[in-house]
Amino acid sequence: MTGVLFLLATFLSPLVSVVPYEAATPALIVVGFLMMQQVAGIDWDDLELAIPAFLTIVLMPFSYSISVGIGAGFVAYTVIKVVRGKATMVHPLMWLVSVLFVVYFAMTPVKSALGVE
């Protein structure tokens, strides 16, 4: 269903150029407000959950990248579980995604060190 709706939306893509960039600002504020309401559901007393959640929330705006924030949260969650001796509690998919994010984060410094752009 989502794919079909996206296909239908492609015919409306020329309308995007009609709407000024500034018109999206109120919508982004409302989306940010709705996202921040979910912060109340985080158990801030459980550091195994609170630290990755905090890193995710803070790094998104500071890095100007949603993927950096999410990646930091995934990696922090996995590292904290390992350090606390709870590595078996981490789902295999979480391990995979965490490793992929570590590779993603390491690509830029490795390319820079090798002189590759």
Protein backbone atom coordinates (compact mmCIF):
# COMPACT_ATOMS: atom_id res chain seq x y z
CA MET A 1 0.00 0.00 0.00
CA THR A 2 2.80 2.41 0.89
CA GLY A 3 4.55 1.70 -2.40
CA VAL A 4 1.37 2.32 -4.39
CA LEU A 5 0.78 5.61 -2.60
CA PHE A 6 4.38 6.68 -3.25
CA LEU A 7 3.92 5.89 -6.94
CA LEU A 8 0.79 8.02 -6.99
CA ALA A 9 2.62 10.80 -5.15
CA THR A 10 5.32 10.97 -7.83
CA PHE A 11 2.80 12.61 -10.13
CA LEU A 12 2.39 15.36 -7.54
CA SER A 13 6.14 16.02 -7.21
CA PRO A 14 6.07 19.12 -9.47
CA LEU A 15 3.87 20.77 -6.83
CA VAL A 16 6.78 20.66 -4.38
CA SER A 17 8.51 23.45 -6.27
CA VAL A 18 5.40 25.63 -5.86
CA VAL A 19 5.48 25.46 -2.06
CA PRO A 20 8.23 27.64 -0.54
CA TYR A 21 10.77 26.04 1.77
CA GLU A 22 9.63 28.18 4.68
CA ALA A 23 6.17 26.62 4.57
CA ALA A 24 7.59 23.38 5.96
CA THR A 25 8.84 25.02 9.16
CA PRO A 26 5.53 24.92 11.09
CA ALA A 27 5.08 21.25 10.16
CA LEU A 28 8.59 20.44 11.39
CA ILE A 29 7.90 22.21 14.69
CA VAL A 30 4.74 20.15 15.20
CA VAL A 31 6.58 16.93 14.33
CA GLY A 32 9.38 17.83 16.76
CA PHE A 33 6.83 18.58 19.47
CA LEU A 34 5.12 15.23 18.94
CA MET A 35 8.46 13.44 19.04
CA MET A 36 9.45 15.13 22.29
CA GLN A 37 6.23 13.95 23.95
CA GLN A 38 7.61 10.41 23.63
CA VAL A 39 10.63 11.32 25.77
CA ALA A 40 8.41 11.09 28.86
CA GLY A 41 8.08 7.34 28.20
CA ILE A 42 11.83 6.73 28.59
CA ASP A 43 12.89 5.18 31.90
CA TRP A 44 15.58 7.72 32.80
CA ASP A 45 16.55 5.72 35.91
CA ASP A 46 17.71 2.78 33.76
CA LEU A 47 21.08 3.89 32.41
CA GLU A 48 21.20 1.00 29.93
CA LEU A 49 18.25 2.61 28.14
CA ALA A 50 18.65 6.26 29.10
CA ILE A 51 22.18 6.78 27.78
CA PRO A 52 21.48 5.42 24.26
CA ALA A 53 18.20 7.37 24.16
CA PHE A 54 19.98 10.56 25.26
CA LEU A 55 22.72 10.11 22.65
CA THR A 56 20.13 9.51 19.95
CA ILE A 57 18.13 12.60 20.89
CA VAL A 58 21.13 14.91 21.28
CA LEU A 59 23.26 13.80 18.33
CA MET A 60 20.52 14.19 15.73
CA PRO A 61 20.42 18.00 15.89
CA PHE A 62 24.10 18.45 16.78
CA SER A 63 25.31 16.36 13.85
CA TYR A 64 22.55 17.46 11.46
CA SER A 65 22.04 13.77 10.71
CA ILE A 66 19.27 11.43 11.81
CA SER A 67 21.39 8.40 10.90
CA VAL A 68 24.26 9.54 13.15
CA GLY A 69 21.89 9.90 16.11
CA ILE A 70 20.25 6.55 15.54
CA GLY A 71 23.59 4.87 14.93
CA ALA A 72 25.07 6.27 18.13
CA GLY A 73 22.06 4.99 20.05
CA PHE A 74 22.38 1.49 18.58
CA VAL A 75 26.12 1.29 19.20
CA ALA A 76 25.86 2.72 22.73
CA TYR A 77 23.09 0.27 23.65
CA THR A 78 25.14 -2.70 22.45
CA VAL A 79 28.37 -1.50 24.09
CA ILE A 80 26.63 -0.84 27.41
CA LYS A 81 25.06 -4.31 27.40
CA VAL A 82 28.48 -5.89 26.69
CA VAL A 83 30.23 -3.86 29.39
CA ARG A 84 27.56 -4.80 31.92
CA GLY A 85 27.93 -8.51 31.07
CA LYS A 86 24.55 -8.78 29.33
CA ALA A 87 25.76 -9.42 25.79
CA THR A 88 23.45 -12.43 25.44
CA MET A 89 20.45 -10.14 25.94
CA VAL A 90 21.29 -8.23 22.75
CA HIS A 91 19.27 -9.47 19.79
CA PRO A 92 21.32 -10.72 16.81
CA LEU A 93 19.75 -8.08 14.58
CA MET A 94 20.90 -5.39 17.04
CA TRP A 95 24.43 -6.81 16.81
CA LEU A 96 24.29 -6.68 13.02
CA VAL A 97 22.98 -3.12 12.89
CA SER A 98 25.50 -1.98 15.51
CA VAL A 99 28.41 -3.48 13.57
CA LEU A 100 27.16 -1.86 10.36
CA PHE A 101 26.95 1.51 12.11
CA VAL A 102 30.50 1.10 13.46
CA VAL A 103 31.64 0.46 9.89
CA TYR A 104 29.63 3.51 8.75
CA PHE A 105 31.26 5.70 11.41
CA ALA A 106 34.75 4.33 10.65
CA MET A 107 34.55 4.89 6.89
CA THR A 108 35.31 8.62 6.94
CA PRO A 109 38.40 8.45 9.20
CA VAL A 110 39.75 5.42 7.31
CA LYS A 111 39.24 7.13 3.94
CA SER A 112 40.88 10.26 5.29
CA ALA A 113 43.87 8.29 6.62
CA LEU A 114 44.28 6.53 3.29
CA GLY A 115 43.88 9.74 1.31
CA VAL A 116 40.83 8.40 -0.52
CA GLU A 117 37.88 10.66 -1.15
